[in-house]
Structures are given as structure tokens and as C-alpha cells.
Amino acid sequence: MAATRTANAHWEGSLKEGKGQVSLDSSKLGAYDVTWAARSNEPDGMTSPEELIAAAHSTCFSMSLSNELTKAGHTVETIDTKADVTFQPGEGITGSHLTTRAVVPGLSPEEFAAFAEGAKANCPVSAALTGTTITLDATLA
């Protein structure tokens, strides 16, 4: 069964001088301010499309990795993943770098690296980011 999630964005003014807000409507977790400056410079307490994509990518990858490890009979204790999504003004989103650390008893570093590469390839958010460069640093903790 397909699941649809909804967010809404409201924008006022020009790109560089304007401001907006994005709301997470499906979860009702809140609304967050956005500006061009927060996207291309320092966040100053605001979010950006890239930060939201980084949240989605790190979560999706962790879920995918947990699934692949569990299906192979391994017990996952923890997976911590950070995604750094790069935005280059004039070019767009150029890449996502995943850094993951996990505790999976009985798994060699080489085996873990293979599972992590599989999760990177099979994560639906990675598929949505086709056309960007996705890199991975995966180690057992």
C-alpha cells in the first residue's frame, strides 16, 4: 500500500530578499522558517530544502541498512547516520555524503561495508537523488 506524506511551503517576495515557511503537515510536527540566506550561507535558526533532504537521506539509509542486515540474520544494536547534502548556488544539489557508524555483533568490517553499499544503492531517497554524487563512509563502532 502506498503512503503519501505532505509538506507545504509558503513564500513571500523575491528569491534573495524574500522569506518563507515550510510545514510538515502529515506529522504535524511544526513549521520552519526558510530564506535564501539560510540556504546559501549560514542557517541562523532556519532550515533549507537541503537540510530536509539530509534528514530524509540519513533516516532512509539507516532504515535500509537495518533491513538488509536483519534479513541476512544479523542483530542490529545501533545505526547512527549523518548526511551532508551540498548545495551549490547556480548548480543545485551536487551531492550527499553519508557517514554511518553501527554496532552489529559478529560482523566483520568488510561484511559491514558491503551491506552499507547495498543500503546506499537500495535506499529510496538515494534513488531520488540520482544525478548527484552519493558517497559513503561506513564503519563499525
Protein backbone atom coordinates (compact mmCIF):
# COMPACT_ATOMS: atom_id res chain seq x y z
CA MET A 1 0.00 0.00 0.00
CA ALA A 2 1.44 3.36 -1.00
CA ALA A 3 1.94 6.06 1.61
CA THR A 4 1.77 9.76 0.84
CA ARG A 5 3.26 12.39 3.12
CA THR A 6 2.55 16.10 2.80
CA ALA A 7 4.51 19.27 3.44
CA ASN A 8 3.57 22.78 2.38
CA ALA A 9 5.72 25.77 1.57
CA HIS A 10 4.67 29.41 1.64
CA TRP A 11 6.97 32.07 0.11
CA GLU A 12 6.75 35.86 0.07
CA GLY A 13 8.87 38.19 -2.05
CA SER A 14 11.85 37.76 -4.32
CA LEU A 15 14.32 34.90 -4.03
CA LYS A 16 17.11 36.78 -2.29
CA GLU A 17 15.08 39.21 -0.17
CA GLY A 18 12.04 37.05 0.44
CA LYS A 19 11.19 34.62 3.16
CA GLY A 20 9.07 31.58 3.64
CA GLN A 21 7.97 28.77 5.84
CA VAL A 22 7.67 25.04 5.33
CA SER A 23 5.22 22.99 7.38
CA LEU A 24 5.33 19.26 8.00
CA ASP A 25 1.63 18.60 7.57
CA SER A 26 1.38 14.82 7.72
CA SER A 27 3.14 14.54 11.07
CA LYS A 28 2.01 17.94 12.33
CA LEU A 29 5.49 18.38 13.81
CA GLY A 30 5.63 22.06 13.05
CA ALA A 31 6.53 24.81 10.65
CA TYR A 32 10.04 26.06 9.93
CA ASP A 33 11.28 29.35 8.51
CA VAL A 34 13.35 29.43 5.32
CA THR A 35 15.23 32.16 3.42
CA TRP A 36 17.71 32.25 0.58
CA ALA A 37 20.41 33.35 3.02
CA ALA A 38 19.70 30.32 5.24
CA ARG A 39 20.03 28.13 2.15
CA SER A 40 23.19 29.61 0.67
CA ASN A 41 25.01 30.93 3.77
CA GLU A 42 24.52 30.31 7.49
CA PRO A 43 21.23 28.81 8.71
CA ASP A 44 20.64 31.35 11.53
CA GLY A 45 17.95 29.14 13.09
CA MET A 46 16.19 28.41 9.80
CA THR A 47 16.07 25.31 7.64
CA SER A 48 16.57 24.70 3.91
CA PRO A 49 15.47 22.16 1.32
CA GLU A 50 18.93 20.60 1.60
CA GLU A 51 18.66 20.12 5.36
CA LEU A 52 15.28 18.45 4.89
CA ILE A 53 16.77 16.18 2.21
CA ALA A 54 19.70 15.38 4.54
CA ALA A 55 17.21 14.37 7.24
CA ALA A 56 15.36 12.16 4.78
CA HIS A 57 18.54 10.61 3.37
CA SER A 58 20.13 9.79 6.74
CA THR A 59 16.90 8.25 8.01
CA CYS A 60 16.15 6.28 4.85
CA PHE A 61 19.70 4.92 4.65
CA SER A 62 19.65 3.81 8.31
CA MET A 63 16.32 2.04 7.80
CA SER A 64 17.55 0.37 4.60
CA LEU A 65 20.78 -0.78 6.26
CA SER A 66 18.89 -2.16 9.27
CA ASN A 67 16.55 -4.06 6.95
CA GLU A 68 19.36 -5.58 4.88
CA LEU A 69 21.31 -6.65 7.98
CA THR A 70 18.23 -8.11 9.68
CA LYS A 71 17.16 -10.02 6.56
CA ALA A 72 20.65 -11.57 6.48
CA GLY A 73 20.23 -12.78 10.08
CA HIS A 74 22.31 -10.14 11.88
CA THR A 75 21.25 -8.39 15.07
CA VAL A 76 21.45 -4.62 14.79
CA GLU A 77 22.09 -2.81 18.06
CA THR A 78 22.51 0.74 16.74
CA ILE A 79 22.97 2.65 13.50
CA ASP A 80 23.85 6.35 13.51
CA THR A 81 23.97 8.10 10.15
CA LYS A 82 24.77 11.69 9.24
CA ALA A 83 24.03 13.06 5.76
CA ASP A 84 25.80 16.16 4.47
CA VAL A 85 23.88 17.45 1.45
CA THR A 86 25.77 20.03 -0.61
CA PHE A 87 24.01 22.89 -2.40
CA GLN A 88 25.97 24.99 -4.87
CA PRO A 89 24.16 28.20 -5.91
CA GLY A 90 23.80 28.21 -9.68
CA GLU A 91 24.26 24.41 -9.88
CA GLY A 92 21.84 22.98 -7.34
CA ILE A 93 22.27 19.95 -5.12
CA THR A 94 25.57 18.38 -6.04
CA GLY A 95 25.83 15.52 -3.60
CA SER A 96 25.14 13.77 -0.35
CA HIS A 97 27.84 12.30 1.87
CA LEU A 98 26.66 9.62 4.29
CA THR A 99 28.66 8.85 7.42
CA THR A 100 27.38 5.85 9.32
CA ARG A 101 28.54 4.08 12.46
CA ALA A 102 26.86 0.91 13.66
CA VAL A 103 27.04 -1.74 16.31
CA VAL A 104 26.35 -5.15 14.77
CA PRO A 105 27.87 -8.01 16.78
CA GLY A 106 29.67 -10.74 14.83
CA LEU A 107 30.05 -8.77 11.60
CA SER A 108 33.44 -8.05 10.05
CA PRO A 109 34.25 -4.54 8.79
CA GLU A 110 34.36 -5.88 5.22
CA GLU A 111 30.94 -7.51 5.53
CA PHE A 112 29.53 -4.34 7.06
CA ALA A 113 30.93 -2.22 4.22
CA ALA A 114 29.22 -4.48 1.67
CA PHE A 115 25.86 -4.19 3.48
CA ALA A 116 26.28 -0.41 3.71
CA GLU A 117 26.99 -0.12 -0.03
CA GLY A 118 23.88 -2.19 -0.71
CA ALA A 119 21.79 0.05 1.53
CA LYS A 120 23.16 3.14 -0.21
CA ALA A 121 22.16 1.71 -3.59
CA ASN A 122 18.72 0.48 -2.45
CA CYS A 123 17.57 3.35 -0.23
CA PRO A 124 14.61 5.08 -1.95
CA VAL A 125 15.99 8.54 -1.13
CA SER A 126 19.30 7.59 -2.81
CA ALA A 127 17.27 6.62 -5.87
CA ALA A 128 15.53 10.01 -5.76
CA LEU A 129 18.94 11.70 -5.67
CA THR A 130 20.11 10.03 -8.89
CA GLY A 131 22.09 12.62 -10.80
CA THR A 132 24.02 13.70 -7.72
CA THR A 133 27.12 12.14 -6.22
CA ILE A 134 26.45 9.99 -3.17
CA THR A 135 29.47 9.00 -1.12
CA LEU A 136 29.68 6.79 1.95
CA ASP A 137 31.93 6.37 4.99
CA ALA A 138 30.76 3.27 6.87
CA THR A 139 32.42 1.77 9.93
CA LEU A 140 31.51 -0.46 12.81
CA ALA A 141 31.62 1.24 16.19
